[in-house]
Amino acid sequence: MNKKIIVVTGGAGYIGSCTAALIKQKGYEPIIFDNFSTSRRPSHFVDSTYEVDLTQFKEVESLFNKLPPVHAIFHFAAKALVPESTEKIWDYFQNNINATLNMAECATQFAIPHFIHSSTCAVYGNSESVPISESAPLRPETPYGQSKLISENILEQFARWKGLKVLNLRYFNPAGGIPELGLGELHQPETHLIPNLVKHFSQNSLFEVYGNDYLTKDGTCIRDFIHIRDLAMAHLLGLHFLEAQSKLTFETLNIGTGQGISVAQAIEATKKVLGTEGNIEFRSRRPGDPPHLVADTSKMKHILQWTPEFNLDRMIEDHWKFIRAQVNQRYGI
């Protein structure tokens, strides 16, 4: 029996590669589309990886013409550095919006029935309500968030008028890795909290915390972290949800744990996992950092019939194992 093919755009990146590995373990056949602008060629999918510029429709269309029938598209590919997006507005709109538009059109043209879109809690902006539900006002405060909201709107129109079944997943804060497969988070530059904590604490270098005077339980910002293993599982379960739908659909789900973890708590957990005290200094708040970003996950749990499994300690442990393996590999240890 032939395996069902899933095209994974951005499948060489952090979230895409981890999800591709999971769906392969579950019996699907991932096909990787990537331009490798911020990632390396994956070692796991050498024979099913294609270098392609998703913003060029003819290039994408030509590639689909060469593939067997595709069962689903998991669309991860996007520029996703929030601060950079304020400097490179054209790049973010041109890349993120055009790539989504082209993938939606190809899904329609090649009768691909299932589409899962990688979105973000950045579409909510600085939400007044916490935890944040899917019905909260959408007020993105950066070009990145705005580009993802426009992409959501594009897919909703394709679902309404072209028969595409779409699951739109708004991630909160993915973290961790799958070290046994050599998969994890290696961004340049790295802007995420947990990998930066691990980096600075393991090197005993200064880690700067921006703000300890927020109206939170310990004065630091609160975020909702989800293990990359759980995030990948949400995509698999999301596909099962789409497969079970007999009619057209566009559904949005927050993907998080629903548990708020402060920066100070993440610092203490990293100290415990790495067995170090770290070197921390507090700085003034950064403009635009909301005090709370926590998902209301009740809809996710109802639709997917599932609850995330892994806790913060496991996220830190898996990232630390991944980083040590990378260092050992680099230096032949």
C-alpha atoms as a PDB file:
ATOM      1  CA  MET A   1       0.000   0.000   0.000  1.00  0.00           C
ATOM      2  CA  ASN A   2       1.385   3.414  -1.002  1.00  0.00           C
ATOM      3  CA  LYS A   3       1.991   5.877   1.802  1.00  0.00           C
ATOM      4  CA  LYS A   4       0.014   9.124   1.812  1.00  0.00           C
ATOM      5  CA  ILE A   5       2.232  12.024   0.739  1.00  0.00           C
ATOM      6  CA  ILE A   6       2.400  15.218   2.788  1.00  0.00           C
ATOM      7  CA  VAL A   7       4.214  18.232   1.366  1.00  0.00           C
ATOM      8  CA  VAL A   8       6.002  20.012   4.237  1.00  0.00           C
ATOM      9  CA  THR A   9       7.023  23.546   3.301  1.00  0.00           C
ATOM     10  CA  GLY A  10       9.881  24.848   5.407  1.00  0.00           C
ATOM     11  CA  GLY A  11      10.539  21.231   6.256  1.00  0.00           C
ATOM     12  CA  ALA A  12      14.244  21.857   6.801  1.00  0.00           C
ATOM     13  CA  GLY A  13      13.512  24.350   9.594  1.00  0.00           C
ATOM     14  CA  TYR A  14      13.044  23.751  13.291  1.00  0.00           C
ATOM     15  CA  ILE A  15       9.306  23.054  13.500  1.00  0.00           C
ATOM     16  CA  GLY A  16       9.006  21.652   9.983  1.00  0.00           C
ATOM     17  CA  SER A  17      11.787  19.094  10.391  1.00  0.00           C
ATOM     18  CA  CYS A  18      10.479  17.846  13.733  1.00  0.00           C
ATOM     19  CA  THR A  19       6.966  17.480  12.329  1.00  0.00           C
ATOM     20  CA  ALA A  20       8.211  15.751   9.179  1.00  0.00           C
ATOM     21  CA  ALA A  21      10.079  13.229  11.330  1.00  0.00           C
ATOM     22  CA  LEU A  22       6.963  12.478  13.384  1.00  0.00           C
ATOM     23  CA  ILE A  23       4.630  11.982  10.428  1.00  0.00           C
ATOM     24  CA  LYS A  24       7.177   9.691   8.787  1.00  0.00           C
ATOM     25  CA  GLN A  25       7.230   7.585  11.965  1.00  0.00           C
ATOM     26  CA  LYS A  26       3.428   7.449  11.759  1.00  0.00           C
ATOM     27  CA  GLY A  27       3.409   6.039   8.235  1.00  0.00           C
ATOM     28  CA  TYR A  28       3.067   9.128   6.032  1.00  0.00           C
ATOM     29  CA  GLU A  29       5.598  10.158   3.376  1.00  0.00           C
ATOM     30  CA  PRO A  30       6.872  13.728   3.872  1.00  0.00           C
ATOM     31  CA  ILE A  31       8.117  15.676   0.864  1.00  0.00           C
ATOM     32  CA  ILE A  32      10.213  18.693   1.878  1.00  0.00           C
ATOM     33  CA  PHE A  33       9.960  22.055   0.091  1.00  0.00           C
ATOM     34  CA  ASP A  34      12.508  24.629   1.307  1.00  0.00           C
ATOM     35  CA  ASN A  35      14.738  27.402  -0.025  1.00  0.00           C
ATOM     36  CA  PHE A  36      17.322  26.820   2.767  1.00  0.00           C
ATOM     37  CA  SER A  37      17.604  30.554   3.429  1.00  0.00           C
ATOM     38  CA  THR A  38      17.604  29.971   7.203  1.00  0.00           C
ATOM     39  CA  SER A  39      18.175  26.203   7.430  1.00  0.00           C
ATOM     40  CA  ARG A  40      20.423  23.356   6.330  1.00  0.00           C
ATOM     41  CA  ARG A  41      19.534  20.476   4.028  1.00  0.00           C
ATOM     42  CA  PRO A  42      18.008  17.740   6.189  1.00  0.00           C
ATOM     43  CA  SER A  43      19.883  14.469   6.501  1.00  0.00           C
ATOM     44  CA  HIS A  44      16.694  12.487   7.149  1.00  0.00           C
ATOM     45  CA  PHE A  45      14.924  13.199   3.853  1.00  0.00           C
ATOM     46  CA  VAL A  46      17.689  13.420   1.274  1.00  0.00           C
ATOM     47  CA  ASP A  47      15.701  11.712  -1.474  1.00  0.00           C
ATOM     48  CA  SER A  48      12.491  13.649  -0.816  1.00  0.00           C
ATOM     49  CA  THR A  49      13.792  17.205  -0.425  1.00  0.00           C
ATOM     50  CA  TYR A  50      13.381  19.894  -3.074  1.00  0.00           C
ATOM     51  CA  GLU A  51      14.907  23.355  -3.175  1.00  0.00           C
ATOM     52  CA  VAL A  52      12.190  25.739  -4.303  1.00  0.00           C
ATOM     53  CA  ASP A  53      11.260  29.402  -4.014  1.00  0.00           C
ATOM     54  CA  LEU A  54       7.639  29.302  -2.864  1.00  0.00           C
ATOM     55  CA  THR A  55       7.075  32.915  -3.900  1.00  0.00           C
ATOM     56  CA  GLN A  56       7.485  31.907  -7.586  1.00  0.00           C
ATOM     57  CA  PHE A  57       4.235  30.266  -8.670  1.00  0.00           C
ATOM     58  CA  LYS A  58       5.507  28.649 -11.878  1.00  0.00           C
ATOM     59  CA  GLU A  59       8.385  27.071  -9.984  1.00  0.00           C
ATOM     60  CA  VAL A  60       6.037  25.614  -7.366  1.00  0.00           C
ATOM     61  CA  GLU A  61       3.501  24.481  -9.968  1.00  0.00           C
ATOM     62  CA  SER A  62       6.210  22.735 -11.975  1.00  0.00           C
ATOM     63  CA  LEU A  63       7.329  20.830  -8.895  1.00  0.00           C
ATOM     64  CA  PHE A  64       3.800  19.662  -8.053  1.00  0.00           C
ATOM     65  CA  ASN A  65       3.444  18.423 -11.638  1.00  0.00           C
ATOM     66  CA  LYS A  66       6.305  15.998 -10.969  1.00  0.00           C
ATOM     67  CA  LEU A  67       4.852  14.576  -7.746  1.00  0.00           C
ATOM     68  CA  PRO A  68       2.382  11.723  -7.240  1.00  0.00           C
ATOM     69  CA  PRO A  69      -1.001  12.739  -5.757  1.00  0.00           C
ATOM     70  CA  VAL A  70      -0.527  14.684  -2.525  1.00  0.00           C
ATOM     71  CA  HIS A  71      -2.749  14.036   0.487  1.00  0.00           C
ATOM     72  CA  ALA A  72      -1.990  17.200   2.500  1.00  0.00           C
ATOM     73  CA  ILE A  73       0.135  20.323   2.754  1.00  0.00           C
ATOM     74  CA  PHE A  74       1.726  21.381   6.040  1.00  0.00           C
ATOM     75  CA  HIS A  75       2.736  24.984   5.398  1.00  0.00           C
ATOM     76  CA  PHE A  76       5.486  26.101   7.793  1.00  0.00           C
ATOM     77  CA  ALA A  77       7.679  28.165   5.456  1.00  0.00           C
ATOM     78  CA  ALA A  78       7.834  31.818   6.512  1.00  0.00           C
ATOM     79  CA  LYS A  79      10.169  34.519   7.674  1.00  0.00           C
ATOM     80  CA  ALA A  80       9.517  34.654  11.410  1.00  0.00           C
ATOM     81  CA  LEU A  81      11.852  37.043  13.271  1.00  0.00           C
ATOM     82  CA  VAL A  82       9.609  39.658  14.857  1.00  0.00           C
ATOM     83  CA  PRO A  83      12.229  42.435  15.320  1.00  0.00           C
ATOM     84  CA  GLU A  84      13.625  41.874  11.823  1.00  0.00           C
ATOM     85  CA  SER A  85      10.160  42.233  10.320  1.00  0.00           C
ATOM     86  CA  THR A  86      10.001  45.882  11.420  1.00  0.00           C
ATOM     87  CA  GLU A  87      13.157  46.573   9.405  1.00  0.00           C
ATOM     88  CA  LYS A  88      12.367  44.387   6.378  1.00  0.00           C
ATOM     89  CA  ILE A  89       8.665  44.971   5.861  1.00  0.00           C
ATOM     90  CA  TRP A  90       8.691  44.290   2.120  1.00  0.00           C
ATOM     91  CA  ASP A  91      10.618  41.032   2.563  1.00  0.00           C
ATOM     92  CA  TYR A  92       8.136  39.731   5.134  1.00  0.00           C
ATOM     93  CA  PHE A  93       5.030  40.625   3.167  1.00  0.00           C
ATOM     94  CA  GLN A  94       6.459  39.464  -0.161  1.00  0.00           C
ATOM     95  CA  ASN A  95       7.685  36.166   1.238  1.00  0.00           C
ATOM     96  CA  ASN A  96       5.025  35.108   3.711  1.00  0.00           C
ATOM     97  CA  ILE A  97       1.933  36.235   1.815  1.00  0.00           C
ATOM     98  CA  ASN A  98       3.003  35.139  -1.674  1.00  0.00           C
ATOM     99  CA  ALA A  99       4.183  31.743  -0.460  1.00  0.00           C
ATOM    100  CA  THR A 100       0.833  31.102   1.224  1.00  0.00           C
ATOM    101  CA  LEU A 101      -1.124  32.305  -1.812  1.00  0.00           C
ATOM    102  CA  ASN A 102       0.866  30.060  -4.146  1.00  0.00           C
ATOM    103  CA  MET A 103       0.529  27.001  -1.918  1.00  0.00           C
ATOM    104  CA  ALA A 104      -3.234  27.553  -1.591  1.00  0.00           C
ATOM    105  CA  GLU A 105      -3.597  27.862  -5.364  1.00  0.00           C
ATOM    106  CA  CYS A 106      -1.573  24.699  -5.941  1.00  0.00           C
ATOM    107  CA  ALA A 107      -3.660  22.861  -3.344  1.00  0.00           C
ATOM    108  CA  THR A 108      -6.734  23.824  -5.355  1.00  0.00           C
ATOM    109  CA  GLN A 109      -5.211  23.139  -8.775  1.00  0.00           C
ATOM    110  CA  PHE A 110      -3.885  19.712  -7.797  1.00  0.00           C
ATOM    111  CA  ALA A 111      -6.938  18.688  -5.734  1.00  0.00           C
ATOM    112  CA  ILE A 112      -5.013  18.450  -2.448  1.00  0.00           C
ATOM    113  CA  PRO A 113      -7.824  18.278   0.117  1.00  0.00           C
ATOM    114  CA  HIS A 114      -6.066  19.042   3.424  1.00  0.00           C
ATOM    115  CA  PHE A 115      -4.071  22.115   4.391  1.00  0.00           C
ATOM    116  CA  ILE A 116      -2.527  22.887   7.803  1.00  0.00           C
ATOM    117  CA  HIS A 117      -1.181  26.396   8.242  1.00  0.00           C
ATOM    118  CA  SER A 118       1.526  27.386  10.713  1.00  0.00           C
ATOM    119  CA  SER A 119       0.343  30.656  12.249  1.00  0.00           C
ATOM    120  CA  THR A 120       1.203  32.504  15.430  1.00  0.00           C
ATOM    121  CA  CYS A 121      -0.135  34.118  18.578  1.00  0.00           C
ATOM    122  CA  ALA A 122       1.425  37.332  17.209  1.00  0.00           C
ATOM    123  CA  VAL A 123      -1.864  37.895  15.349  1.00  0.00           C
ATOM    124  CA  TYR A 124      -3.449  38.787  18.719  1.00  0.00           C
ATOM    125  CA  GLY A 125      -0.973  41.563  19.484  1.00  0.00           C
ATOM    126  CA  ASN A 126      -1.102  42.805  23.063  1.00  0.00           C
ATOM    127  CA  SER A 127      -4.324  41.071  24.036  1.00  0.00           C
ATOM    128  CA  GLU A 128      -6.346  42.517  26.881  1.00  0.00           C
ATOM    129  CA  SER A 129      -7.791  39.114  27.811  1.00  0.00           C
ATOM    130  CA  VAL A 130      -5.738  36.279  29.337  1.00  0.00           C
ATOM    131  CA  PRO A 131      -5.809  33.419  28.589  1.00  0.00           C
ATOM    132  CA  ILE A 132      -6.281  34.294  24.937  1.00  0.00           C
ATOM    133  CA  SER A 133      -9.083  32.508  23.080  1.00  0.00           C
ATOM    134  CA  GLU A 134      -9.371  32.110  19.322  1.00  0.00           C
ATOM    135  CA  SER A 135     -12.192  34.673  19.338  1.00  0.00           C
ATOM    136  CA  ALA A 136     -10.004  37.409  20.856  1.00  0.00           C
ATOM    137  CA  PRO A 137      -9.544  40.563  18.741  1.00  0.00           C
ATOM    138  CA  LEU A 138      -6.858  40.236  16.069  1.00  0.00           C
ATOM    139  CA  ARG A 139      -4.543  43.237  16.350  1.00  0.00           C
ATOM    140  CA  PRO A 140      -1.024  42.293  15.246  1.00  0.00           C
ATOM    141  CA  GLU A 141       1.563  44.900  16.189  1.00  0.00           C
ATOM    142  CA  THR A 142       4.369  43.917  13.796  1.00  0.00           C
ATOM    143  CA  PRO A 143       4.727  43.262  10.066  1.00  0.00           C
ATOM    144  CA  TYR A 144       5.385  39.593  10.873  1.00  0.00           C
ATOM    145  CA  GLY A 145       2.111  39.250  12.760  1.00  0.00           C
ATOM    146  CA  GLN A 146       0.256  41.173  10.065  1.00  0.00           C
ATOM    147  CA  SER A 147       1.704  38.976   7.306  1.00  0.00           C
ATOM    148  CA  LYS A 148       0.470  35.860   9.117  1.00  0.00           C
ATOM    149  CA  LEU A 149      -2.998  37.336   9.634  1.00  0.00           C
ATOM    150  CA  ILE A 150      -3.235  38.161   5.917  1.00  0.00           C
ATOM    151  CA  SER A 151      -2.143  34.581   5.176  1.00  0.00           C
ATOM    152  CA  GLU A 152      -4.929  33.308   7.434  1.00  0.00           C
ATOM    153  CA  ASN A 153      -7.445  35.454   5.552  1.00  0.00           C
ATOM    154  CA  ILE A 154      -6.215  34.128   2.199  1.00  0.00           C
ATOM    155  CA  LEU A 155      -6.677  30.531   3.333  1.00  0.00           C
ATOM    156  CA  GLU A 156     -10.123  31.266   4.735  1.00  0.00           C
ATOM    157  CA  GLN A 157     -11.174  32.531   1.289  1.00  0.00           C
ATOM    158  CA  PHE A 158      -9.797  29.415  -0.401  1.00  0.00           C
ATOM    159  CA  ALA A 159     -11.698  27.275   2.093  1.00  0.00           C
ATOM    160  CA  ARG A 160     -14.901  29.198   1.435  1.00  0.00           C
ATOM    161  CA  TRP A 161     -14.765  29.407  -2.354  1.00  0.00           C
ATOM    162  CA  LYS A 162     -12.409  26.661  -3.539  1.00  0.00           C
ATOM    163  CA  GLY A 163     -13.242  23.705  -1.319  1.00  0.00           C
ATOM    164  CA  LEU A 164      -9.980  23.565   0.612  1.00  0.00           C
ATOM    165  CA  LYS A 165     -10.156  22.073   4.114  1.00  0.00           C
ATOM    166  CA  VAL A 166      -7.897  24.251   6.288  1.00  0.00           C
ATOM    167  CA  LEU A 167      -6.721  23.955   9.873  1.00  0.00           C
ATOM    168  CA  ASN A 168      -5.074  27.174  11.045  1.00  0.00           C
ATOM    169  CA  LEU A 169      -2.795  26.639  14.051  1.00  0.00           C
ATOM    170  CA  ARG A 170      -1.724  29.641  16.124  1.00  0.00           C
ATOM    171  CA  TYR A 171       1.419  28.620  17.997  1.00  0.00           C
ATOM    172  CA  PHE A 172       2.450  30.148  21.267  1.00  0.00           C
ATOM    173  CA  ASN A 173       6.090  29.365  22.258  1.00  0.00           C
ATOM    174  CA  PRO A 174       7.597  26.141  20.858  1.00  0.00           C
ATOM    175  CA  ALA A 175      10.706  24.864  22.616  1.00  0.00           C
ATOM    176  CA  GLY A 176      12.797  21.733  23.057  1.00  0.00           C
ATOM    177  CA  GLY A 177      14.066  19.253  20.510  1.00  0.00           C
ATOM    178  CA  ILE A 178      14.151  15.621  19.442  1.00  0.00           C
ATOM    179  CA  PRO A 179      17.822  14.941  20.242  1.00  0.00           C
ATOM    180  CA  GLU A 180      17.681  11.224  19.438  1.00  0.00           C
ATOM    181  CA  LEU A 181      16.991  12.242  15.829  1.00  0.00           C
ATOM    182  CA  GLY A 182      19.451  15.123  15.811  1.00  0.00           C
ATOM    183  CA  LEU A 183      16.620  17.664  15.565  1.00  0.00           C
ATOM    184  CA  GLY A 184      16.315  20.910  17.492  1.00  0.00           C
ATOM    185  CA  GLU A 185      16.463  24.670  17.482  1.00  0.00           C
ATOM    186  CA  LEU A 186      19.473  26.385  15.899  1.00  0.00           C
ATOM    187  CA  HIS A 187      18.548  29.868  14.740  1.00  0.00           C
ATOM    188  CA  GLN A 188      20.940  32.618  13.672  1.00  0.00           C
ATOM    189  CA  PRO A 189      20.253  34.939  15.339  1.00  0.00           C
ATOM    190  CA  GLU A 190      18.510  33.147  18.198  1.00  0.00           C
ATOM    191  CA  THR A 191      15.697  35.210  19.716  1.00  0.00           C
ATOM    192  CA  HIS A 192      13.840  32.608  21.799  1.00  0.00           C
ATOM    193  CA  LEU A 193      14.090  32.393  25.569  1.00  0.00           C
ATOM    194  CA  ILE A 194      14.921  28.751  26.316  1.00  0.00           C
ATOM    195  CA  PRO A 195      17.734  28.275  23.777  1.00  0.00           C
ATOM    196  CA  ASN A 196      19.246  31.567  24.899  1.00  0.00           C
ATOM    197  CA  LEU A 197      19.049  30.540  28.552  1.00  0.00           C
ATOM    198  CA  VAL A 198      20.742  27.222  27.781  1.00  0.00           C
ATOM    199  CA  LYS A 199      23.434  28.930  25.721  1.00  0.00           C
ATOM    200  CA  HIS A 200      24.317  31.568  28.313  1.00  0.00           C
ATOM    201  CA  PHE A 201      24.051  29.293  31.342  1.00  0.00           C
ATOM    202  CA  SER A 202      26.157  26.550  29.753  1.00  0.00           C
ATOM    203  CA  GLN A 203      28.844  29.112  28.884  1.00  0.00           C
ATOM    204  CA  ASN A 204      28.470  31.060  32.150  1.00  0.00           C
ATOM    205  CA  SER A 205      27.985  34.232  30.123  1.00  0.00           C
ATOM    206  CA  LEU A 206      25.748  37.156  31.018  1.00  0.00           C
ATOM    207  CA  PHE A 207      22.024  36.716  30.386  1.00  0.00           C
ATOM    208  CA  GLU A 208      20.002  39.926  30.328  1.00  0.00           C
ATOM    209  CA  VAL A 209      16.380  39.909  31.477  1.00  0.00           C
ATOM    210  CA  TYR A 210      14.309  42.766  30.075  1.00  0.00           C
ATOM    211  CA  GLY A 211      11.924  43.850  32.802  1.00  0.00           C
ATOM    212  CA  ASN A 212      11.249  42.660  36.330  1.00  0.00           C
ATOM    213  CA  ASP A 213       8.574  45.217  37.182  1.00  0.00           C
ATOM    214  CA  TYR A 214       5.597  43.824  35.271  1.00  0.00           C
ATOM    215  CA  LEU A 215       2.316  43.274  37.128  1.00  0.00           C
ATOM    216  CA  THR A 216       2.898  39.522  37.282  1.00  0.00           C
ATOM    217  CA  LYS A 217       3.559  37.109  40.149  1.00  0.00           C
ATOM    218  CA  ASP A 218       7.332  37.699  40.097  1.00  0.00           C
ATOM    219  CA  GLY A 219       7.637  40.838  37.982  1.00  0.00           C
ATOM    220  CA  THR A 220       8.785  39.062  34.790  1.00  0.00           C
ATOM    221  CA  CYS A 221       6.838  38.342  31.599  1.00  0.00           C
ATOM    222  CA  ILE A 222       4.700  35.212  31.418  1.00  0.00           C
ATOM    223  CA  ARG A 223       4.593  32.984  28.339  1.00  0.00           C
ATOM    224  CA  ASP A 224       3.044  29.684  27.260  1.00  0.00           C
ATOM    225  CA  PHE A 225       5.737  27.168  26.219  1.00  0.00           C
ATOM    226  CA  ILE A 226       4.946  23.959  24.331  1.00  0.00           C
ATOM    227  CA  HIS A 227       7.374  21.139  23.580  1.00  0.00           C
ATOM    228  CA  ILE A 228       8.165  20.682  19.901  1.00  0.00           C
ATOM    229  CA  ARG A 229       7.165  17.013  20.225  1.00  0.00           C
ATOM    230  CA  ASP A 230       3.692  18.109  21.326  1.00  0.00           C
ATOM    231  CA  LEU A 231       3.498  20.751  18.613  1.00  0.00           C
ATOM    232  CA  ALA A 232       4.339  18.146  15.971  1.00  0.00           C
ATOM    233  CA  MET A 233       1.704  15.812  17.424  1.00  0.00           C
ATOM    234  CA  ALA A 234      -0.894  18.581  17.164  1.00  0.00           C
ATOM    235  CA  HIS A 235      -0.313  18.639  13.393  1.00  0.00           C
ATOM    236  CA  LEU A 236      -0.804  14.900  13.062  1.00  0.00           C
ATOM    237  CA  LEU A 237      -3.998  15.000  15.122  1.00  0.00           C
ATOM    238  CA  GLY A 238      -5.075  18.065  13.170  1.00  0.00           C
ATOM    239  CA  LEU A 239      -4.727  16.119   9.938  1.00  0.00           C
ATOM    240  CA  HIS A 240      -6.891  13.355  11.388  1.00  0.00           C
ATOM    241  CA  PHE A 241      -9.473  16.022  12.232  1.00  0.00           C
ATOM    242  CA  LEU A 242      -9.476  17.334   8.658  1.00  0.00           C
ATOM    243  CA  GLU A 243      -9.681  13.819   7.231  1.00  0.00           C
ATOM    244  CA  ALA A 244     -12.836  13.220   9.276  1.00  0.00           C
ATOM    245  CA  GLN A 245     -14.617  16.301   7.921  1.00  0.00           C
ATOM    246  CA  SER A 246     -17.226  15.517   5.283  1.00  0.00           C
ATOM    247  CA  LYS A 247     -17.680  19.137   4.208  1.00  0.00           C
ATOM    248  CA  LEU A 248     -15.599  22.220   3.676  1.00  0.00           C
ATOM    249  CA  THR A 249     -14.021  23.764   6.724  1.00  0.00           C
ATOM    250  CA  PHE A 250     -11.742  26.486   8.036  1.00  0.00           C
ATOM    251  CA  GLU A 251     -10.889  26.014  11.690  1.00  0.00           C
ATOM    252  CA  THR A 252      -8.483  27.910  13.931  1.00  0.00           C
ATOM    253  CA  LEU A 253      -6.867  26.472  17.059  1.00  0.00           C
ATOM    254  CA  ASN A 254      -4.451  27.884  19.599  1.00  0.00           C
ATOM    255  CA  ILE A 255      -1.565  25.481  20.198  1.00  0.00           C
ATOM    256  CA  GLY A 256      -0.048  25.802  23.647  1.00  0.00           C
ATOM    257  CA  THR A 257      -0.359  24.242  27.067  1.00  0.00           C
ATOM    258  CA  GLY A 258      -2.562  26.877  28.671  1.00  0.00           C
ATOM    259  CA  GLN A 259      -0.003  27.141  31.476  1.00  0.00           C
ATOM    260  CA  GLY A 260       1.738  30.447  32.055  1.00  0.00           C
ATOM    261  CA  ILE A 261       5.447  30.241  32.878  1.00  0.00           C
ATOM    262  CA  SER A 262       7.364  33.365  33.865  1.00  0.00           C
ATOM    263  CA  VAL A 263      10.846  34.245  32.682  1.00  0.00           C
ATOM    264  CA  ALA A 264      12.006  33.874  36.289  1.00  0.00           C
ATOM    265  CA  GLN A 265      10.533  30.359  36.460  1.00  0.00           C
ATOM    266  CA  ALA A 266      12.248  29.435  33.190  1.00  0.00           C
ATOM    267  CA  ILE A 267      15.533  30.710  34.647  1.00  0.00           C
ATOM    268  CA  GLU A 268      15.153  28.561  37.765  1.00  0.00           C
ATOM    269  CA  ALA A 269      14.240  25.484  35.691  1.00  0.00           C
ATOM    270  CA  THR A 270      17.310  25.991  33.484  1.00  0.00           C
ATOM    271  CA  LYS A 271      19.541  26.279  36.557  1.00  0.00           C
ATOM    272  CA  LYS A 272      18.159  22.977  37.829  1.00  0.00           C
ATOM    273  CA  VAL A 273      18.513  21.077  34.544  1.00  0.00           C
ATOM    274  CA  LEU A 274      22.042  22.345  33.770  1.00  0.00           C
ATOM    275  CA  GLY A 275      23.238  22.340  37.383  1.00  0.00           C
ATOM    276  CA  THR A 276      24.503  25.904  37.249  1.00  0.00           C
ATOM    277  CA  GLU A 277      23.716  29.219  38.887  1.00  0.00           C
ATOM    278  CA  GLY A 278      23.922  31.321  35.746  1.00  0.00           C
ATOM    279  CA  ASN A 279      24.855  34.983  35.420  1.00  0.00           C
ATOM    280  CA  ILE A 280      21.823  37.281  35.227  1.00  0.00           C
ATOM    281  CA  GLU A 281      21.287  41.024  35.111  1.00  0.00           C
ATOM    282  CA  PHE A 282      17.985  42.865  34.809  1.00  0.00           C
ATOM    283  CA  ARG A 283      17.449  45.591  32.236  1.00  0.00           C
ATOM    284  CA  SER A 284      14.587  47.947  31.403  1.00  0.00           C
ATOM    285  CA  ARG A 285      11.549  46.594  29.628  1.00  0.00           C
ATOM    286  CA  ARG A 286      11.617  46.284  25.856  1.00  0.00           C
ATOM    287  CA  PRO A 287       8.919  48.305  24.075  1.00  0.00           C
ATOM    288  CA  GLY A 288       5.933  46.198  23.053  1.00  0.00           C
ATOM    289  CA  ASP A 289       6.579  43.143  25.244  1.00  0.00           C
ATOM    290  CA  PRO A 290       3.164  42.118  26.641  1.00  0.00           C
ATOM    291  CA  PRO A 291       3.154  40.975  30.287  1.00  0.00           C
ATOM    292  CA  HIS A 292       1.082  37.844  29.583  1.00  0.00           C
ATOM    293  CA  LEU A 293       0.825  35.587  26.514  1.00  0.00           C
ATOM    294  CA  VAL A 294      -0.999  32.417  27.485  1.00  0.00           C
ATOM    295  CA  ALA A 295      -3.305  30.335  25.309  1.00  0.00           C
ATOM    296  CA  ASP A 296      -6.850  29.342  26.059  1.00  0.00           C
ATOM    297  CA  THR A 297      -6.499  25.718  24.920  1.00  0.00           C
ATOM    298  CA  SER A 298     -10.044  24.519  25.620  1.00  0.00           C
ATOM    299  CA  LYS A 299     -10.981  24.468  21.927  1.00  0.00           C
ATOM    300  CA  MET A 300      -7.779  22.614  21.005  1.00  0.00           C
ATOM    301  CA  LYS A 301      -8.427  19.958  23.645  1.00  0.00           C
ATOM    302  CA  HIS A 302     -12.035  19.540  22.464  1.00  0.00           C
ATOM    303  CA  ILE A 303     -11.302  19.388  18.714  1.00  0.00           C
ATOM    304  CA  LEU A 304      -8.178  17.225  18.907  1.00  0.00           C
ATOM    305  CA  GLN A 305      -9.256  15.208  21.969  1.00  0.00           C
ATOM    306  CA  TRP A 306      -5.736  15.645  23.295  1.00  0.00           C
ATOM    307  CA  THR A 307      -3.619  17.371  25.939  1.00  0.00           C
ATOM    308  CA  PRO A 308       0.102  18.224  25.528  1.00  0.00           C
ATOM    309  CA  GLU A 309       2.353  15.775  27.358  1.00  0.00           C
ATOM    310  CA  PHE A 310       5.756  17.344  28.013  1.00  0.00           C
ATOM    311  CA  ASN A 311       6.668  19.931  30.674  1.00  0.00           C
ATOM    312  CA  LEU A 312       9.176  22.776  30.821  1.00  0.00           C
ATOM    313  CA  ASP A 313      11.964  20.661  32.342  1.00  0.00           C
ATOM    314  CA  ARG A 314      11.700  18.228  29.433  1.00  0.00           C
ATOM    315  CA  MET A 315      11.882  21.103  26.930  1.00  0.00           C
ATOM    316  CA  ILE A 316      15.102  22.340  28.519  1.00  0.00           C
ATOM    317  CA  GLU A 317      16.565  18.817  28.860  1.00  0.00           C
ATOM    318  CA  ASP A 318      15.889  17.945  25.220  1.00  0.00           C
ATOM    319  CA  HIS A 319      17.311  21.217  23.944  1.00  0.00           C
ATOM    320  CA  TRP A 320      20.429  20.778  26.111  1.00  0.00           C
ATOM    321  CA  LYS A 321      20.930  17.209  24.818  1.00  0.00           C
ATOM    322  CA  PHE A 322      20.526  18.448  21.238  1.00  0.00           C
ATOM    323  CA  ILE A 323      23.062  21.254  21.705  1.00  0.00           C
ATOM    324  CA  ARG A 324      25.644  18.955  23.327  1.00  0.00           C
ATOM    325  CA  ALA A 325      25.277  16.496  20.462  1.00  0.00           C
ATOM    326  CA  GLN A 326      25.819  19.307  17.948  1.00  0.00           C
ATOM    327  CA  VAL A 327      29.009  20.424  19.737  1.00  0.00           C
ATOM    328  CA  ASN A 328      30.293  16.846  19.963  1.00  0.00           C
ATOM    329  CA  GLN A 329      29.614  16.291  16.282  1.00  0.00           C
ATOM    330  CA  ARG A 330      31.330  19.542  15.290  1.00  0.00           C
ATOM    331  CA  TYR A 331      34.500  18.734  17.192  1.00  0.00           C
ATOM    332  CA  GLY A 332      34.492  14.973  16.632  1.00  0.00           C
ATOM    333  CA  ILE A 333      34.046  14.136  20.293  1.00  0.00           C
END
